[in-house]
Amino acid sequence: MLSISEFSEMCHLPPQTLRFYHSEGLLVPAHVDEQTGYRGYRFEQVEQAMLITVLRGTGMSVKLVRRALAEPDATPALLQQHGAEVERQRRAQDEAIRDARAFVHSWPDVRRRRVPEMTVVSKPVPATPDGRTSYEWDEGHAAITATVQDVVKTVESCGAAVSGLPWQTMANETPEQRRRNLTGEEPSLLVKVPVTADEDTLAALPGDVEVQLFEARDELSIFIPGKTSIAKHCTALSRLARHPLDAAYVDIARVRHVLHDDGVESAAPICNLDAGEAAG
């Protein structure tokens, strides 16, 4: 019988780790003295300790390791499942590191610009979740991306050319859209894709999209790099709303979110305090 100190040295596992494995049912000592609480291990248990160390070294949870020990035939499948999860986490961490670097090297700042008049093709986004959780937010962004891709495909199939970056905005252009927003009905978002085409080509577009004229306007905009999130969205709106303007204000209700490959640019029109309309 080996003492916990001897077994610890043999397996290169600290005594506190062995006690933890005992409490979790992973590596139960061969004998525990009822009076002193001293643990004793058999030499053959080194093999089990080695297997636990190998599995834990992959980052597997105690729960998964316990299952692997209880069901040896399931271990290959459990390792494959764990490997896929580790790869997903690595991709997420790599993306987070790129995101953080972008912020550290160039903190997003608000800028003013003049946006020219343009022709756009607009389409409602199918029902999306409220976005109250990160999962729902990602699900909504995926729906927006899919709608943009659908509009681009429709536009190009009819012979028109995409002439700029697409954007998303709240669906509040008509009384019916505003009613839906107030009652929480779907859809509540629109995607818009700038296009260049003659009148005949635009007239040939299917009825599920609408051709609109986007009027020239002065805007405040801020670009937030990386994957979109609720916090980034709120940060952009906060920075736009707090930006100082002379005899004018920024209309957050009419904000549009321009979809870049490496982030989202939030832009809202500048309105004169006297006229209450977009400046310029």
Protein backbone atom coordinates (compact mmCIF):
# COMPACT_ATOMS: atom_id res chain seq x y z
CA MET A 1 0.00 0.00 0.00
CA LEU A 2 1.31 3.44 -0.96
CA SER A 3 0.78 6.53 1.15
CA ILE A 4 -0.71 9.59 -0.51
CA SER A 5 2.76 11.23 -0.50
CA GLU A 6 4.36 8.24 -2.21
CA PHE A 7 1.51 7.94 -4.70
CA SER A 8 1.71 11.69 -5.35
CA GLU A 9 5.41 11.50 -6.22
CA MET A 10 4.88 8.44 -8.39
CA CYS A 11 2.04 10.00 -10.41
CA HIS A 12 3.30 13.62 -10.36
CA LEU A 13 -0.02 14.67 -8.88
CA PRO A 14 -0.12 17.00 -5.85
CA PRO A 15 -1.81 15.56 -2.75
CA GLN A 16 -4.52 18.23 -2.93
CA THR A 17 -5.31 17.08 -6.48
CA LEU A 18 -5.58 13.47 -5.31
CA ARG A 19 -7.93 14.57 -2.54
CA PHE A 20 -10.02 16.45 -5.11
CA TYR A 21 -10.14 13.40 -7.39
CA HIS A 22 -11.23 11.33 -4.42
CA SER A 23 -14.05 13.75 -3.57
CA GLU A 24 -15.19 13.71 -7.22
CA GLY A 25 -15.11 9.91 -7.44
CA LEU A 26 -12.42 9.84 -10.13
CA LEU A 27 -9.66 8.14 -8.17
CA VAL A 28 -10.85 6.56 -4.94
CA PRO A 29 -8.06 5.37 -2.60
CA ALA A 30 -7.82 1.63 -2.00
CA HIS A 31 -8.01 2.30 1.72
CA VAL A 32 -8.95 5.21 3.98
CA ASP A 33 -8.13 4.97 7.71
CA GLU A 34 -11.36 5.76 9.57
CA GLN A 35 -9.52 7.26 12.53
CA THR A 36 -6.78 9.30 10.85
CA GLY A 37 -8.32 9.82 7.40
CA TYR A 38 -5.03 8.76 5.81
CA ARG A 39 -5.41 7.54 2.26
CA GLY A 40 -3.65 4.49 0.83
CA TYR A 41 -3.28 3.53 -2.82
CA ARG A 42 -2.39 0.35 -4.64
CA PHE A 43 0.42 0.34 -7.19
CA GLU A 44 -2.05 -0.72 -9.90
CA GLN A 45 -3.94 2.55 -9.44
CA VAL A 46 -1.06 4.41 -11.11
CA GLU A 47 -2.55 3.37 -14.47
CA GLN A 48 -5.90 4.99 -13.62
CA ALA A 49 -4.15 8.12 -12.38
CA MET A 50 -2.21 8.27 -15.65
CA LEU A 51 -5.39 8.00 -17.71
CA ILE A 52 -7.07 10.73 -15.67
CA THR A 53 -4.03 12.98 -16.13
CA VAL A 54 -4.05 12.40 -19.89
CA LEU A 55 -7.75 13.19 -20.21
CA ARG A 56 -7.62 16.20 -17.89
CA GLY A 57 -4.63 17.47 -19.85
CA THR A 58 -6.92 17.93 -22.84
CA GLY A 59 -9.06 20.29 -20.79
CA MET A 60 -11.86 17.77 -20.33
CA SER A 61 -14.18 18.52 -17.44
CA VAL A 62 -14.29 16.27 -14.40
CA LYS A 63 -17.79 15.23 -15.49
CA LEU A 64 -16.58 14.05 -18.91
CA VAL A 65 -13.55 12.28 -17.42
CA ARG A 66 -15.81 10.49 -14.94
CA ARG A 67 -17.98 9.32 -17.81
CA ALA A 68 -14.94 8.19 -19.82
CA LEU A 69 -13.74 6.10 -16.89
CA ALA A 70 -17.19 4.60 -16.38
CA GLU A 71 -17.74 3.96 -20.12
CA PRO A 72 -14.38 3.13 -21.77
CA ASP A 73 -16.04 2.31 -25.10
CA ALA A 74 -17.49 5.84 -25.24
CA THR A 75 -14.11 7.53 -24.66
CA PRO A 76 -13.21 8.01 -28.37
CA ALA A 77 -16.56 9.72 -29.05
CA LEU A 78 -16.19 11.87 -25.93
CA LEU A 79 -12.72 12.94 -27.05
CA GLN A 80 -14.04 13.85 -30.49
CA GLN A 81 -16.87 15.85 -28.94
CA HIS A 82 -14.45 17.63 -26.60
CA GLY A 83 -12.00 18.31 -29.43
CA ALA A 84 -14.73 19.99 -31.48
CA GLU A 85 -15.66 22.19 -28.51
CA VAL A 86 -12.01 23.14 -27.91
CA GLU A 87 -11.67 24.11 -31.58
CA ARG A 88 -14.79 26.27 -31.34
CA GLN A 89 -13.41 27.98 -28.25
CA ARG A 90 -10.07 28.56 -29.98
CA ARG A 91 -11.78 30.24 -32.91
CA ALA A 92 -13.80 32.40 -30.50
CA GLN A 93 -10.65 33.35 -28.57
CA ASP A 94 -8.75 34.17 -31.77
CA GLU A 95 -11.63 36.41 -32.84
CA ALA A 96 -11.72 38.05 -29.43
CA ILE A 97 -7.97 38.72 -29.57
CA ARG A 98 -8.28 40.33 -33.01
CA ASP A 99 -11.21 42.36 -31.70
CA ALA A 100 -9.27 43.53 -28.64
CA ARG A 101 -6.23 44.50 -30.72
CA ALA A 102 -8.40 46.61 -33.01
CA PHE A 103 -9.77 48.51 -30.00
CA VAL A 104 -6.39 48.93 -28.33
CA HIS A 105 -4.62 50.22 -31.44
CA SER A 106 -7.40 52.51 -32.62
CA TRP A 107 -10.23 53.34 -30.24
CA PRO A 108 -13.45 54.01 -32.22
CA ASP A 109 -14.24 57.69 -32.63
CA VAL A 110 -17.26 59.59 -33.94
CA ARG A 111 -16.84 61.37 -37.27
CA ARG A 112 -19.03 63.63 -39.37
CA ARG A 113 -19.60 63.09 -43.08
CA ARG A 114 -21.83 63.89 -46.03
CA VAL A 115 -23.61 60.90 -47.58
CA PRO A 116 -24.68 61.33 -51.22
CA GLU A 117 -28.06 60.45 -52.67
CA MET A 118 -28.30 56.83 -53.83
CA THR A 119 -30.71 54.21 -55.08
CA VAL A 120 -31.22 51.29 -52.71
CA VAL A 121 -33.11 48.02 -52.75
CA SER A 122 -34.90 47.36 -49.45
CA LYS A 123 -36.25 44.14 -47.98
CA PRO A 124 -37.70 43.22 -44.55
CA VAL A 125 -35.74 40.78 -42.41
CA PRO A 126 -37.77 37.70 -41.46
CA ALA A 127 -38.78 37.28 -37.82
CA THR A 128 -35.79 37.67 -35.51
CA PRO A 129 -35.50 37.12 -31.73
CA ASP A 130 -35.44 40.05 -29.31
CA GLY A 131 -31.67 39.85 -28.94
CA ARG A 132 -31.78 39.88 -25.14
CA THR A 133 -29.11 37.17 -24.94
CA SER A 134 -25.87 36.76 -26.89
CA TYR A 135 -27.33 33.66 -28.56
CA GLU A 136 -30.43 35.54 -29.73
CA TRP A 137 -28.25 38.45 -30.87
CA ASP A 138 -26.09 36.11 -32.99
CA GLU A 139 -29.23 34.46 -34.37
CA GLY A 140 -30.65 37.85 -35.38
CA HIS A 141 -27.37 38.88 -37.03
CA ALA A 142 -27.38 35.62 -39.00
CA ALA A 143 -30.90 36.42 -40.26
CA ILE A 144 -29.76 39.90 -41.33
CA THR A 145 -26.75 38.46 -43.16
CA ALA A 146 -28.92 35.90 -44.94
CA THR A 147 -31.37 38.62 -46.04
CA VAL A 148 -28.53 40.77 -47.39
CA GLN A 149 -27.18 37.81 -49.36
CA ASP A 150 -30.66 37.14 -50.75
CA VAL A 151 -31.08 40.77 -51.87
CA VAL A 152 -27.64 40.83 -53.50
CA LYS A 153 -28.41 37.61 -55.35
CA THR A 154 -31.76 39.02 -56.53
CA VAL A 155 -30.24 42.31 -57.65
CA GLU A 156 -27.38 40.72 -59.57
CA SER A 157 -29.62 38.12 -61.21
CA CYS A 158 -31.67 40.96 -62.73
CA GLY A 159 -28.61 42.70 -64.15
CA ALA A 160 -28.23 45.46 -61.54
CA ALA A 161 -24.92 46.13 -59.79
CA VAL A 162 -24.31 46.51 -56.07
CA SER A 163 -22.67 49.90 -55.65
CA GLY A 164 -21.93 50.11 -51.92
CA LEU A 165 -22.03 48.44 -48.54
CA PRO A 166 -25.41 47.16 -47.30
CA TRP A 167 -26.94 48.28 -44.03
CA GLN A 168 -29.71 47.40 -41.61
CA THR A 169 -32.19 49.78 -40.03
CA MET A 170 -35.40 49.71 -38.03
CA ALA A 171 -38.56 49.18 -40.08
CA ASN A 172 -40.33 52.45 -39.26
CA GLU A 173 -40.84 53.99 -42.68
CA THR A 174 -44.58 53.35 -43.02
CA PRO A 175 -47.53 53.52 -40.60
CA GLU A 176 -47.86 49.74 -40.79
CA GLN A 177 -44.18 49.22 -39.93
CA ARG A 178 -44.42 51.64 -37.02
CA ARG A 179 -47.53 49.84 -35.79
CA ARG A 180 -45.67 46.51 -35.91
CA ASN A 181 -42.81 47.99 -33.91
CA LEU A 182 -45.18 49.30 -31.25
CA THR A 183 -47.01 45.99 -30.96
CA GLY A 184 -43.87 43.85 -31.12
CA GLU A 185 -44.91 42.11 -34.33
CA GLU A 186 -42.35 40.95 -36.90
CA PRO A 187 -40.51 41.92 -38.98
CA SER A 188 -39.00 45.00 -37.35
CA LEU A 189 -35.80 45.32 -39.39
CA LEU A 190 -34.97 46.23 -42.97
CA VAL A 191 -31.84 45.65 -45.00
CA LYS A 192 -30.89 48.07 -47.75
CA VAL A 193 -28.41 47.46 -50.56
CA PRO A 194 -27.14 50.37 -52.74
CA VAL A 195 -27.47 49.58 -56.45
CA THR A 196 -26.71 51.00 -59.87
CA ALA A 197 -29.13 50.15 -62.67
CA ASP A 198 -31.39 51.68 -65.30
CA GLU A 199 -35.13 52.10 -64.75
CA ASP A 200 -36.08 49.03 -66.79
CA THR A 201 -33.78 46.81 -64.73
CA LEU A 202 -35.11 48.19 -61.46
CA ALA A 203 -38.68 47.69 -62.67
CA ALA A 204 -37.91 44.02 -63.31
CA LEU A 205 -37.01 43.31 -59.69
CA PRO A 206 -39.45 40.97 -57.89
CA GLY A 207 -42.19 42.26 -55.63
CA ASP A 208 -40.64 41.12 -52.37
CA VAL A 209 -38.08 43.94 -52.60
CA GLU A 210 -38.65 47.68 -52.86
CA VAL A 211 -36.61 50.21 -54.83
CA GLN A 212 -36.10 53.43 -52.85
CA LEU A 213 -34.26 56.72 -53.11
CA PHE A 214 -31.98 57.35 -50.16
CA GLU A 215 -31.72 61.12 -49.83
CA ALA A 216 -28.38 62.83 -49.27
CA ARG A 217 -27.75 63.72 -45.65
CA ASP A 218 -25.13 64.72 -43.11
CA GLU A 219 -24.37 61.98 -40.62
CA LEU A 220 -22.43 61.21 -37.50
CA SER A 221 -20.94 57.73 -37.67
CA ILE A 222 -18.80 55.44 -35.56
CA PHE A 223 -17.18 52.18 -36.61
CA ILE A 224 -16.99 49.36 -34.04
CA PRO A 225 -14.60 46.61 -35.17
CA GLY A 226 -15.08 42.87 -34.75
CA LYS A 227 -18.10 40.71 -34.18
CA THR A 228 -21.25 42.64 -33.37
CA SER A 229 -22.74 42.38 -29.88
CA ILE A 230 -25.38 44.01 -27.70
CA ALA A 231 -22.73 45.92 -25.74
CA LYS A 232 -21.04 47.22 -28.90
CA HIS A 233 -24.40 48.26 -30.34
CA CYS A 234 -25.30 50.22 -27.19
CA THR A 235 -21.81 51.76 -27.04
CA ALA A 236 -22.16 53.05 -30.59
CA LEU A 237 -25.58 54.60 -29.90
CA SER A 238 -24.32 56.17 -26.68
CA ARG A 239 -21.31 57.74 -28.38
CA LEU A 240 -23.45 59.11 -31.22
CA ALA A 241 -26.09 60.54 -28.88
CA ARG A 242 -23.51 62.26 -26.64
CA HIS A 243 -21.45 63.81 -29.45
CA PRO A 244 -21.63 67.64 -29.21
CA LEU A 245 -23.26 69.55 -32.09
CA ASP A 246 -23.97 73.24 -32.65
CA ALA A 247 -27.68 74.07 -33.14
CA ALA A 248 -28.32 70.45 -34.20
CA TYR A 249 -28.86 66.98 -32.84
CA VAL A 250 -28.38 63.42 -34.05
CA ASP A 251 -31.57 61.44 -34.75
CA ILE A 252 -30.87 58.06 -33.15
CA ALA A 253 -34.33 56.83 -34.21
CA ARG A 254 -33.11 56.87 -37.82
CA VAL A 255 -29.76 55.20 -37.25
CA ARG A 256 -28.49 52.78 -39.86
CA HIS A 257 -25.90 50.09 -39.26
CA VAL A 258 -23.56 49.67 -42.21
CA LEU A 259 -22.28 46.10 -42.46
CA HIS A 260 -18.51 45.92 -43.04
CA ASP A 261 -16.59 42.66 -43.29
CA ASP A 262 -14.63 43.51 -40.14
CA GLY A 263 -17.25 45.29 -38.05
CA VAL A 264 -20.36 47.47 -38.01
CA GLU A 265 -20.56 51.21 -38.62
CA SER A 266 -23.48 52.97 -36.93
CA ALA A 267 -24.56 56.21 -38.62
CA ALA A 268 -27.39 58.62 -37.78
CA PRO A 269 -28.56 61.81 -39.53
CA ILE A 270 -27.76 65.25 -38.16
CA CYS A 271 -30.91 67.34 -37.74
CA ASN A 272 -31.21 71.12 -37.33
CA LEU A 273 -32.87 72.20 -34.11
CA ASP A 274 -34.93 74.81 -35.97
CA ALA A 275 -36.11 72.78 -38.94
CA GLY A 276 -36.03 69.36 -37.28
CA GLU A 277 -34.87 67.86 -40.55
CA ALA A 278 -31.62 66.32 -41.68
CA ALA A 279 -29.00 68.98 -42.22
CA GLY A 280 -27.75 69.75 -45.71
